[in-house]
């Protein structure tokens, strides 16, 4: 199992909308993520900076790097693009974070 963390950026004033959309996450998106080998996925918000901090576990032989090809993922990106910083293809601007400590 691989632990992964990354950060994204929420546009100011969209904190409640971001949470609402994730409270109503599409079941087909959850299925796609699980089939790609993703589990234990959490997203946290730093309200002072609007930085979103995400953690997830990846199966050793996951396909997370292929999610951009999935039409459901691309639809989700389009749906979220108005409230997050994104690239031209509406994928969220994200930066992988380096694990420097872990305790079980």
PDB file of N, CA and C in Angstrom:
ATOM      1  N   UNK A   1       0.854  -1.181   0.000  1.00  0.00           N
ATOM      2  CA  UNK A   1       0.000   0.000   0.000  1.00  0.00           C
ATOM      3  C   UNK A   1       0.895   1.238   0.000  1.00  0.00           C
ATOM      4  N   UNK A   2       0.549   2.185  -0.831  1.00  0.00           N
ATOM      5  CA  UNK A   2       1.287   3.437  -0.971  1.00  0.00           C
ATOM      6  C   UNK A   2       0.446   4.557  -0.368  1.00  0.00           C
ATOM      7  N   UNK A   3       1.032   5.364   0.499  1.00  0.00           N
ATOM      8  CA  UNK A   3       0.357   6.553   1.022  1.00  0.00           C
ATOM      9  C   UNK A   3       0.726   7.725   0.114  1.00  0.00           C
ATOM     10  N   UNK A   4      -0.254   8.516  -0.237  1.00  0.00           N
ATOM     11  CA  UNK A   4      -0.041   9.634  -1.147  1.00  0.00           C
ATOM     12  C   UNK A   4      -0.692  10.878  -0.557  1.00  0.00           C
ATOM     13  N   UNK A   5      -0.071  12.017  -0.781  1.00  0.00           N
ATOM     14  CA  UNK A   5      -0.641  13.293  -0.337  1.00  0.00           C
ATOM     15  C   UNK A   5      -0.351  14.346  -1.398  1.00  0.00           C
ATOM     16  N   UNK A   6      -1.283  15.262  -1.549  1.00  0.00           N
ATOM     17  CA  UNK A   6      -1.098  16.344  -2.509  1.00  0.00           C
ATOM     18  C   UNK A   6      -1.937  17.531  -2.066  1.00  0.00           C
ATOM     19  N   UNK A   7      -1.658  18.679  -2.676  1.00  0.00           N
ATOM     20  CA  UNK A   7      -2.442  19.869  -2.350  1.00  0.00           C
ATOM     21  C   UNK A   7      -3.004  20.481  -3.619  1.00  0.00           C
ATOM     22  N   UNK A   8      -4.130  21.170  -3.442  1.00  0.00           N
ATOM     23  CA  UNK A   8      -4.819  21.884  -4.511  1.00  0.00           C
ATOM     24  C   UNK A   8      -5.241  23.232  -3.933  1.00  0.00           C
ATOM     25  N   UNK A   9      -5.860  24.069  -4.738  1.00  0.00           N
ATOM     26  CA  UNK A   9      -6.252  25.400  -4.259  1.00  0.00           C
ATOM     27  C   UNK A   9      -7.704  25.680  -4.615  1.00  0.00           C
ATOM     28  N   UNK A  10      -8.471  26.068  -3.605  1.00  0.00           N
ATOM     29  CA  UNK A  10      -9.863  26.452  -3.758  1.00  0.00           C
ATOM     30  C   UNK A  10      -9.934  27.958  -3.979  1.00  0.00           C
ATOM     31  N   UNK A  11     -10.814  28.396  -4.866  1.00  0.00           N
ATOM     32  CA  UNK A  11     -11.018  29.829  -5.061  1.00  0.00           C
ATOM     33  C   UNK A  11     -11.718  30.405  -3.833  1.00  0.00           C
ATOM     34  N   UNK A  12     -11.387  31.639  -3.458  1.00  0.00           N
ATOM     35  CA  UNK A  12     -11.997  32.249  -2.266  1.00  0.00           C
ATOM     36  C   UNK A  12     -13.518  32.307  -2.356  1.00  0.00           C
ATOM     37  N   UNK A  13     -14.171  32.039  -1.226  1.00  0.00           N
ATOM     38  CA  UNK A  13     -15.623  32.141  -1.133  1.00  0.00           C
ATOM     39  C   UNK A  13     -16.373  30.880  -1.511  1.00  0.00           C
ATOM     40  N   UNK A  14     -15.681  29.824  -1.863  1.00  0.00           N
ATOM     41  CA  UNK A  14     -16.343  28.596  -2.314  1.00  0.00           C
ATOM     42  C   UNK A  14     -16.207  27.429  -1.331  1.00  0.00           C
ATOM     43  N   UNK A  15     -15.854  27.727  -0.104  1.00  0.00           N
ATOM     44  CA  UNK A  15     -15.646  26.669   0.883  1.00  0.00           C
ATOM     45  C   UNK A  15     -16.897  25.807   1.068  1.00  0.00           C
ATOM     46  N   UNK A  16     -18.027  26.425   1.287  1.00  0.00           N
ATOM     47  CA  UNK A  16     -19.270  25.669   1.517  1.00  0.00           C
ATOM     48  C   UNK A  16     -19.705  24.918   0.268  1.00  0.00           C
ATOM     49  N   UNK A  17     -19.533  25.518  -0.896  1.00  0.00           N
ATOM     50  CA  UNK A  17     -19.913  24.862  -2.142  1.00  0.00           C
ATOM     51  C   UNK A  17     -19.029  23.643  -2.407  1.00  0.00           C
ATOM     52  N   UNK A  18     -17.741  23.768  -2.133  1.00  0.00           N
ATOM     53  CA  UNK A  18     -16.830  22.639  -2.314  1.00  0.00           C
ATOM     54  C   UNK A  18     -17.263  21.467  -1.427  1.00  0.00           C
ATOM     55  N   UNK A  19     -17.558  21.764  -0.176  1.00  0.00           N
ATOM     56  CA  UNK A  19     -18.001  20.711   0.746  1.00  0.00           C
ATOM     57  C   UNK A  19     -19.319  20.107   0.275  1.00  0.00           C
ATOM     58  N   UNK A  20     -20.262  20.945  -0.144  1.00  0.00           N
ATOM     59  CA  UNK A  20     -21.561  20.446  -0.608  1.00  0.00           C
ATOM     60  C   UNK A  20     -21.389  19.487  -1.785  1.00  0.00           C
ATOM     61  N   UNK A  21     -20.563  19.881  -2.735  1.00  0.00           N
ATOM     62  CA  UNK A  21     -20.370  19.027  -3.905  1.00  0.00           C
ATOM     63  C   UNK A  21     -19.744  17.685  -3.520  1.00  0.00           C
ATOM     64  N   UNK A  22     -18.846  17.710  -2.566  1.00  0.00           N
ATOM     65  CA  UNK A  22     -18.241  16.450  -2.137  1.00  0.00           C
ATOM     66  C   UNK A  22     -19.172  15.639  -1.234  1.00  0.00           C
ATOM     67  N   UNK A  23     -20.047  16.295  -0.522  1.00  0.00           N
ATOM     68  CA  UNK A  23     -21.060  15.565   0.253  1.00  0.00           C
ATOM     69  C   UNK A  23     -21.996  14.806  -0.682  1.00  0.00           C
ATOM     70  N   UNK A  24     -22.114  15.289  -1.908  1.00  0.00           N
ATOM     71  CA  UNK A  24     -22.987  14.678  -2.916  1.00  0.00           C
ATOM     72  C   UNK A  24     -22.166  14.044  -4.046  1.00  0.00           C
ATOM     73  N   UNK A  25     -20.986  13.531  -3.706  1.00  0.00           N
ATOM     74  CA  UNK A  25     -20.090  12.976  -4.731  1.00  0.00           C
ATOM     75  C   UNK A  25     -20.807  11.901  -5.542  1.00  0.00           C
ATOM     76  N   UNK A  26     -20.554  11.874  -6.807  1.00  0.00           N
ATOM     77  CA  UNK A  26     -21.215  10.946  -7.711  1.00  0.00           C
ATOM     78  C   UNK A  26     -20.790   9.513  -7.405  1.00  0.00           C
ATOM     79  N   UNK A  27     -21.730   8.608  -7.235  1.00  0.00           N
ATOM     80  CA  UNK A  27     -21.377   7.194  -6.986  1.00  0.00           C
ATOM     81  C   UNK A  27     -20.505   6.614  -8.097  1.00  0.00           C
ATOM     82  N   UNK A  28     -20.731   7.026  -9.343  1.00  0.00           N
ATOM     83  CA  UNK A  28     -19.923   6.501 -10.440  1.00  0.00           C
ATOM     84  C   UNK A  28     -18.478   6.978 -10.355  1.00  0.00           C
ATOM     85  N   UNK A  29     -18.249   8.172  -9.767  1.00  0.00           N
ATOM     86  CA  UNK A  29     -16.887   8.654  -9.566  1.00  0.00           C
ATOM     87  C   UNK A  29     -16.198   7.842  -8.478  1.00  0.00           C
ATOM     88  N   UNK A  30     -16.913   7.583  -7.390  1.00  0.00           N
ATOM     89  CA  UNK A  30     -16.346   6.758  -6.310  1.00  0.00           C
ATOM     90  C   UNK A  30     -15.939   5.395  -6.860  1.00  0.00           C
ATOM     91  N   UNK A  31     -16.787   4.824  -7.688  1.00  0.00           N
ATOM     92  CA  UNK A  31     -16.496   3.512  -8.283  1.00  0.00           C
ATOM     93  C   UNK A  31     -15.228   3.565  -9.130  1.00  0.00           C
ATOM     94  N   UNK A  32     -15.093   4.600  -9.952  1.00  0.00           N
ATOM     95  CA  UNK A  32     -13.905   4.758 -10.797  1.00  0.00           C
ATOM     96  C   UNK A  32     -12.650   4.867  -9.934  1.00  0.00           C
ATOM     97  N   UNK A  33     -12.714   5.655  -8.864  1.00  0.00           N
ATOM     98  CA  UNK A  33     -11.559   5.824  -7.978  1.00  0.00           C
ATOM     99  C   UNK A  33     -11.186   4.492  -7.322  1.00  0.00           C
ATOM    100  N   UNK A  34     -12.183   3.781  -6.829  1.00  0.00           N
ATOM    101  CA  UNK A  34     -11.919   2.487  -6.192  1.00  0.00           C
ATOM    102  C   UNK A  34     -11.324   1.504  -7.189  1.00  0.00           C
ATOM    103  N   UNK A  35     -11.868   1.470  -8.397  1.00  0.00           N
ATOM    104  CA  UNK A  35     -11.349   0.554  -9.420  1.00  0.00           C
ATOM    105  C   UNK A  35      -9.921   0.906  -9.830  1.00  0.00           C
ATOM    106  N   UNK A  36      -9.530   2.157  -9.665  1.00  0.00           N
ATOM    107  CA  UNK A  36      -8.157   2.583  -9.962  1.00  0.00           C
ATOM    108  C   UNK A  36      -7.191   2.233  -8.839  1.00  0.00           C
ATOM    109  N   UNK A  37      -7.735   1.734  -7.717  1.00  0.00           N
ATOM    110  CA  UNK A  37      -6.877   1.331  -6.602  1.00  0.00           C
ATOM    111  C   UNK A  37      -6.731   2.365  -5.514  1.00  0.00           C
ATOM    112  N   UNK A  38      -7.661   3.320  -5.446  1.00  0.00           N
ATOM    113  CA  UNK A  38      -7.617   4.386  -4.437  1.00  0.00           C
ATOM    114  C   UNK A  38      -8.567   4.050  -3.297  1.00  0.00           C
ATOM    115  N   UNK A  39      -8.100   4.245  -2.066  1.00  0.00           N
ATOM    116  CA  UNK A  39      -8.938   4.061  -0.880  1.00  0.00           C
ATOM    117  C   UNK A  39      -8.518   5.069   0.188  1.00  0.00           C
ATOM    118  N   UNK A  40      -9.291   5.119   1.240  1.00  0.00           N
ATOM    119  CA  UNK A  40      -8.977   5.976   2.393  1.00  0.00           C
ATOM    120  C   UNK A  40      -8.598   7.390   1.936  1.00  0.00           C
ATOM    121  N   UNK A  41      -9.464   7.984   1.123  1.00  0.00           N
ATOM    122  CA  UNK A  41      -9.226   9.279   0.489  1.00  0.00           C
ATOM    123  C   UNK A  41      -9.881  10.361   1.337  1.00  0.00           C
ATOM    124  N   UNK A  42      -9.098  11.328   1.782  1.00  0.00           N
ATOM    125  CA  UNK A  42      -9.598  12.450   2.578  1.00  0.00           C
ATOM    126  C   UNK A  42      -9.074  13.754   2.002  1.00  0.00           C
ATOM    127  N   UNK A  43      -9.891  14.810   2.115  1.00  0.00           N
ATOM    128  CA  UNK A  43      -9.472  16.147   1.705  1.00  0.00           C
ATOM    129  C   UNK A  43      -9.754  17.100   2.862  1.00  0.00           C
ATOM    130  N   UNK A  44      -8.766  17.900   3.198  1.00  0.00           N
ATOM    131  CA  UNK A  44      -8.879  18.883   4.274  1.00  0.00           C
ATOM    132  C   UNK A  44      -8.700  20.279   3.685  1.00  0.00           C
ATOM    133  N   UNK A  45      -9.326  21.259   4.309  1.00  0.00           N
ATOM    134  CA  UNK A  45      -9.219  22.651   3.872  1.00  0.00           C
ATOM    135  C   UNK A  45      -8.525  23.479   4.941  1.00  0.00           C
ATOM    136  N   UNK A  46      -7.531  24.250   4.523  1.00  0.00           N
ATOM    137  CA  UNK A  46      -6.936  25.265   5.391  1.00  0.00           C
ATOM    138  C   UNK A  46      -7.672  26.563   5.080  1.00  0.00           C
ATOM    139  N   UNK A  47      -8.585  27.009   5.961  1.00  0.00           N
ATOM    140  CA  UNK A  47      -9.408  28.186   5.651  1.00  0.00           C
ATOM    141  C   UNK A  47      -8.621  29.490   5.575  1.00  0.00           C
ATOM    142  N   UNK A  48      -7.420  29.535   6.116  1.00  0.00           N
ATOM    143  CA  UNK A  48      -6.617  30.755   6.031  1.00  0.00           C
ATOM    144  C   UNK A  48      -6.013  30.955   4.643  1.00  0.00           C
ATOM    145  N   UNK A  49      -5.737  29.846   3.941  1.00  0.00           N
ATOM    146  CA  UNK A  49      -5.052  29.941   2.652  1.00  0.00           C
ATOM    147  C   UNK A  49      -5.870  29.383   1.486  1.00  0.00           C
ATOM    148  N   UNK A  50      -6.983  28.716   1.785  1.00  0.00           N
ATOM    149  CA  UNK A  50      -7.803  28.015   0.789  1.00  0.00           C
ATOM    150  C   UNK A  50      -7.046  26.865   0.117  1.00  0.00           C
ATOM    151  N   UNK A  51      -6.013  26.391   0.784  1.00  0.00           N
ATOM    152  CA  UNK A  51      -5.289  25.216   0.302  1.00  0.00           C
ATOM    153  C   UNK A  51      -6.071  23.972   0.712  1.00  0.00           C
ATOM    154  N   UNK A  52      -6.275  23.080  -0.245  1.00  0.00           N
ATOM    155  CA  UNK A  52      -6.886  21.784   0.001  1.00  0.00           C
ATOM    156  C   UNK A  52      -5.759  20.764   0.118  1.00  0.00           C
ATOM    157  N   UNK A  53      -5.752  20.015   1.195  1.00  0.00           N
ATOM    158  CA  UNK A  53      -4.728  19.003   1.454  1.00  0.00           C
ATOM    159  C   UNK A  53      -5.402  17.644   1.370  1.00  0.00           C
ATOM    160  N   UNK A  54      -4.943  16.795   0.481  1.00  0.00           N
ATOM    161  CA  UNK A  54      -5.577  15.497   0.265  1.00  0.00           C
ATOM    162  C   UNK A  54      -4.619  14.362   0.606  1.00  0.00           C
ATOM    163  N   UNK A  55      -5.177  13.301   1.188  1.00  0.00           N
ATOM    164  CA  UNK A  55      -4.425  12.080   1.439  1.00  0.00           C
ATOM    165  C   UNK A  55      -5.228  10.916   0.885  1.00  0.00           C
ATOM    166  N   UNK A  56      -4.512   9.897   0.449  1.00  0.00           N
ATOM    167  CA  UNK A  56      -5.173   8.707  -0.053  1.00  0.00           C
ATOM    168  C   UNK A  56      -4.200   7.537   0.022  1.00  0.00           C
ATOM    169  N   UNK A  57      -4.765   6.358   0.002  1.00  0.00           N
ATOM    170  CA  UNK A  57      -3.952   5.152  -0.086  1.00  0.00           C
ATOM    171  C   UNK A  57      -4.144   4.562  -1.466  1.00  0.00           C
ATOM    172  N   UNK A  58      -3.044   4.088  -2.034  1.00  0.00           N
ATOM    173  CA  UNK A  58      -3.056   3.501  -3.359  1.00  0.00           C
ATOM    174  C   UNK A  58      -2.591   2.050  -3.269  1.00  0.00           C
ATOM    175  N   UNK A  59      -3.293   1.167  -3.944  1.00  0.00           N
ATOM    176  CA  UNK A  59      -2.823  -0.217  -4.043  1.00  0.00           C
ATOM    177  C   UNK A  59      -1.482  -0.206  -4.759  1.00  0.00           C
ATOM    178  N   UNK A  60      -0.663  -1.214  -4.474  1.00  0.00           N
ATOM    179  CA  UNK A  60       0.660  -1.270  -5.091  1.00  0.00           C
ATOM    180  C   UNK A  60       0.595  -1.232  -6.613  1.00  0.00           C
ATOM    181  N   UNK A  61      -0.373  -1.891  -7.200  1.00  0.00           N
ATOM    182  CA  UNK A  61      -0.510  -1.912  -8.664  1.00  0.00           C
ATOM    183  C   UNK A  61      -1.754  -1.119  -9.059  1.00  0.00           C
ATOM    184  N   UNK A  62      -1.734   0.176  -8.764  1.00  0.00           N
ATOM    185  CA  UNK A  62      -2.890   1.051  -9.028  1.00  0.00           C
ATOM    186  C   UNK A  62      -2.806   1.673 -10.420  1.00  0.00           C
ATOM    187  N   UNK A  63      -3.915   2.241 -10.845  1.00  0.00           N
ATOM    188  CA  UNK A  63      -3.975   2.953 -12.120  1.00  0.00           C
ATOM    189  C   UNK A  63      -4.340   4.428 -11.918  1.00  0.00           C
ATOM    190  N   UNK A  64      -3.981   4.980 -10.775  1.00  0.00           N
ATOM    191  CA  UNK A  64      -4.327   6.373 -10.482  1.00  0.00           C
ATOM    192  C   UNK A  64      -3.764   7.328 -11.528  1.00  0.00           C
ATOM    193  N   UNK A  65      -2.609   7.016 -12.088  1.00  0.00           N
ATOM    194  CA  UNK A  65      -2.011   7.903 -13.085  1.00  0.00           C
ATOM    195  C   UNK A  65      -2.745   7.867 -14.427  1.00  0.00           C
ATOM    196  N   UNK A  66      -3.730   6.988 -14.570  1.00  0.00           N
ATOM    197  CA  UNK A  66      -4.512   6.893 -15.796  1.00  0.00           C
ATOM    198  C   UNK A  66      -5.918   7.499 -15.654  1.00  0.00           C
ATOM    199  N   UNK A  67      -6.225   8.039 -14.482  1.00  0.00           N
ATOM    200  CA  UNK A  67      -7.568   8.569 -14.243  1.00  0.00           C
ATOM    201  C   UNK A  67      -7.943   9.692 -15.204  1.00  0.00           C
ATOM    202  N   UNK A  68      -6.973  10.443 -15.661  1.00  0.00           N
ATOM    203  CA  UNK A  68      -7.273  11.559 -16.568  1.00  0.00           C
ATOM    204  C   UNK A  68      -7.927  11.095 -17.868  1.00  0.00           C
ATOM    205  N   UNK A  69      -7.812   9.804 -18.172  1.00  0.00           N
ATOM    206  CA  UNK A  69      -8.426   9.261 -19.384  1.00  0.00           C
ATOM    207  C   UNK A  69      -9.898   8.910 -19.199  1.00  0.00           C
ATOM    208  N   UNK A  70     -10.356   8.856 -17.968  1.00  0.00           N
ATOM    209  CA  UNK A  70     -11.714   8.410 -17.683  1.00  0.00           C
ATOM    210  C   UNK A  70     -12.719   9.553 -17.885  1.00  0.00           C
ATOM    211  N   UNK A  71     -13.785   9.332 -18.663  1.00  0.00           N
ATOM    212  CA  UNK A  71     -14.759  10.398 -18.907  1.00  0.00           C
ATOM    213  C   UNK A  71     -15.489  10.873 -17.651  1.00  0.00           C
ATOM    214  N   UNK A  72     -15.698  10.013 -16.673  1.00  0.00           N
ATOM    215  CA  UNK A  72     -16.365  10.427 -15.425  1.00  0.00           C
ATOM    216  C   UNK A  72     -15.460  11.385 -14.664  1.00  0.00           C
ATOM    217  N   UNK A  73     -14.184  11.085 -14.615  1.00  0.00           N
ATOM    218  CA  UNK A  73     -13.219  11.973 -13.948  1.00  0.00           C
ATOM    219  C   UNK A  73     -13.179  13.312 -14.660  1.00  0.00           C
ATOM    220  N   UNK A  74     -13.158  13.302 -15.965  1.00  0.00           N
ATOM    221  CA  UNK A  74     -13.112  14.554 -16.719  1.00  0.00           C
ATOM    222  C   UNK A  74     -14.391  15.378 -16.526  1.00  0.00           C
ATOM    223  N   UNK A  75     -15.535  14.706 -16.411  1.00  0.00           N
ATOM    224  CA  UNK A  75     -16.788  15.414 -16.116  1.00  0.00           C
ATOM    225  C   UNK A  75     -16.734  16.048 -14.731  1.00  0.00           C
ATOM    226  N   UNK A  76     -16.166  15.330 -13.764  1.00  0.00           N
ATOM    227  CA  UNK A  76     -16.023  15.878 -12.407  1.00  0.00           C
ATOM    228  C   UNK A  76     -15.126  17.110 -12.437  1.00  0.00           C
ATOM    229  N   UNK A  77     -14.027  17.034 -13.162  1.00  0.00           N
ATOM    230  CA  UNK A  77     -13.141  18.187 -13.282  1.00  0.00           C
ATOM    231  C   UNK A  77     -13.891  19.381 -13.856  1.00  0.00           C
ATOM    232  N   UNK A  78     -14.677  19.155 -14.901  1.00  0.00           N
ATOM    233  CA  UNK A  78     -15.457  20.235 -15.502  1.00  0.00           C
ATOM    234  C   UNK A  78     -16.431  20.828 -14.481  1.00  0.00           C
ATOM    235  N   UNK A  79     -17.046  19.959 -13.697  1.00  0.00           N
ATOM    236  CA  UNK A  79     -18.017  20.368 -12.678  1.00  0.00           C
ATOM    237  C   UNK A  79     -17.347  21.218 -11.588  1.00  0.00           C
ATOM    238  N   UNK A  80     -16.114  20.911 -11.254  1.00  0.00           N
ATOM    239  CA  UNK A  80     -15.407  21.596 -10.172  1.00  0.00           C
ATOM    240  C   UNK A  80     -14.592  22.806 -10.637  1.00  0.00           C
ATOM    241  N   UNK A  81     -14.434  22.975 -11.932  1.00  0.00           N
ATOM    242  CA  UNK A  81     -13.520  23.994 -12.463  1.00  0.00           C
ATOM    243  C   UNK A  81     -13.868  25.423 -12.070  1.00  0.00           C
ATOM    244  N   UNK A  82     -15.138  25.699 -11.823  1.00  0.00           N
ATOM    245  CA  UNK A  82     -15.514  27.072 -11.489  1.00  0.00           C
ATOM    246  C   UNK A  82     -15.141  27.470 -10.063  1.00  0.00           C
ATOM    247  N   UNK A  83     -14.762  26.505  -9.225  1.00  0.00           N
ATOM    248  CA  UNK A  83     -14.474  26.843  -7.826  1.00  0.00           C
ATOM    249  C   UNK A  83     -13.046  26.497  -7.398  1.00  0.00           C
ATOM    250  N   UNK A  84     -12.249  25.960  -8.327  1.00  0.00           N
ATOM    251  CA  UNK A  84     -10.872  25.575  -8.007  1.00  0.00           C
ATOM    252  C   UNK A  84      -9.910  26.147  -9.034  1.00  0.00           C
ATOM    253  N   UNK A  85      -8.650  26.240  -8.655  1.00  0.00           N
ATOM    254  CA  UNK A  85      -7.625  26.578  -9.632  1.00  0.00           C
ATOM    255  C   UNK A  85      -7.403  25.344 -10.504  1.00  0.00           C
ATOM    256  N   UNK A  86      -7.457  25.536 -11.831  1.00  0.00           N
ATOM    257  CA  UNK A  86      -7.331  24.409 -12.756  1.00  0.00           C
ATOM    258  C   UNK A  86      -6.387  24.753 -13.908  1.00  0.00           C
ATOM    259  N   UNK A  87      -5.988  23.698 -14.596  1.00  0.00           N
ATOM    260  CA  UNK A  87      -5.257  23.847 -15.852  1.00  0.00           C
ATOM    261  C   UNK A  87      -6.278  24.044 -16.979  1.00  0.00           C
ATOM    262  N   UNK A  88      -5.805  24.238 -18.195  1.00  0.00           N
ATOM    263  CA  UNK A  88      -6.698  24.481 -19.328  1.00  0.00           C
ATOM    264  C   UNK A  88      -7.676  23.345 -19.578  1.00  0.00           C
ATOM    265  N   UNK A  89      -7.280  22.106 -19.243  1.00  0.00           N
ATOM    266  CA  UNK A  89      -8.175  20.957 -19.448  1.00  0.00           C
ATOM    267  C   UNK A  89      -9.120  20.749 -18.270  1.00  0.00           C
ATOM    268  N   UNK A  90      -9.157  21.701 -17.338  1.00  0.00           N
ATOM    269  CA  UNK A  90      -9.978  21.692 -16.123  1.00  0.00           C
ATOM    270  C   UNK A  90      -9.486  20.727 -15.050  1.00  0.00           C
ATOM    271  N   UNK A  91      -8.361  20.058 -15.270  1.00  0.00           N
ATOM    272  CA  UNK A  91      -7.793  19.240 -14.192  1.00  0.00           C
ATOM    273  C   UNK A  91      -7.308  20.186 -13.094  1.00  0.00           C
ATOM    274  N   UNK A  92      -7.466  19.786 -11.825  1.00  0.00           N
ATOM    275  CA  UNK A  92      -7.063  20.682 -10.753  1.00  0.00           C
ATOM    276  C   UNK A  92      -5.547  20.880 -10.712  1.00  0.00           C
ATOM    277  N   UNK A  93      -5.146  22.105 -10.473  1.00  0.00           N
ATOM    278  CA  UNK A  93      -3.727  22.357 -10.231  1.00  0.00           C
ATOM    279  C   UNK A  93      -3.408  21.664  -8.912  1.00  0.00           C
ATOM    280  N   UNK A  94      -2.487  20.727  -8.965  1.00  0.00           N
ATOM    281  CA  UNK A  94      -2.142  20.000  -7.741  1.00  0.00           C
ATOM    282  C   UNK A  94      -0.642  19.781  -7.686  1.00  0.00           C
ATOM    283  N   UNK A  95      -0.160  19.643  -6.462  1.00  0.00           N
ATOM    284  CA  UNK A  95       1.259  19.410  -6.230  1.00  0.00           C
ATOM    285  C   UNK A  95       1.390  18.242  -5.268  1.00  0.00           C
ATOM    286  N   UNK A  96       2.139  17.220  -5.695  1.00  0.00           N
ATOM    287  CA  UNK A  96       2.405  16.104  -4.798  1.00  0.00           C
ATOM    288  C   UNK A  96       3.227  16.591  -3.616  1.00  0.00           C
ATOM    289  N   UNK A  97       2.958  16.029  -2.462  1.00  0.00           N
ATOM    290  CA  UNK A  97       3.702  16.368  -1.260  1.00  0.00           C
ATOM    291  C   UNK A  97       4.607  15.203  -0.880  1.00  0.00           C
ATOM    292  N   UNK A  98       5.712  15.508  -0.260  1.00  0.00           N
ATOM    293  CA  UNK A  98       6.701  14.516   0.121  1.00  0.00           C
ATOM    294  C   UNK A  98       6.492  14.138   1.580  1.00  0.00           C
ATOM    295  N   UNK A  99       6.344  12.844   1.820  1.00  0.00           N
ATOM    296  CA  UNK A  99       6.181  12.376   3.199  1.00  0.00           C
ATOM    297  C   UNK A  99       7.525  12.482   3.918  1.00  0.00           C
ATOM    298  N   UNK A 100       7.534  13.154   5.053  1.00  0.00           N
ATOM    299  CA  UNK A 100       8.747  13.280   5.852  1.00  0.00           C
ATOM    300  C   UNK A 100       8.634  12.604   7.205  1.00  0.00           C
ATOM    301  N   UNK A 101       7.409  12.159   7.559  1.00  0.00           N
ATOM    302  CA  UNK A 101       7.203  11.439   8.811  1.00  0.00           C
ATOM    303  C   UNK A 101       5.914  10.668   8.717  1.00  0.00           C
ATOM    304  N   UNK A 102       5.905   9.494   9.308  1.00  0.00           N
ATOM    305  CA  UNK A 102       4.691   8.681   9.406  1.00  0.00           C
ATOM    306  C   UNK A 102       4.764   7.839  10.669  1.00  0.00           C
ATOM    307  N   UNK A 103       3.637   7.720  11.349  1.00  0.00           N
ATOM    308  CA  UNK A 103       3.546   6.867  12.535  1.00  0.00           C
ATOM    309  C   UNK A 103       2.265   6.074  12.463  1.00  0.00           C
ATOM    310  N   UNK A 104       2.356   4.756  12.573  1.00  0.00           N
ATOM    311  CA  UNK A 104       1.156   3.917  12.634  1.00  0.00           C
ATOM    312  C   UNK A 104       0.662   3.824  14.054  1.00  0.00           C
TER     313      UNK A 104
END
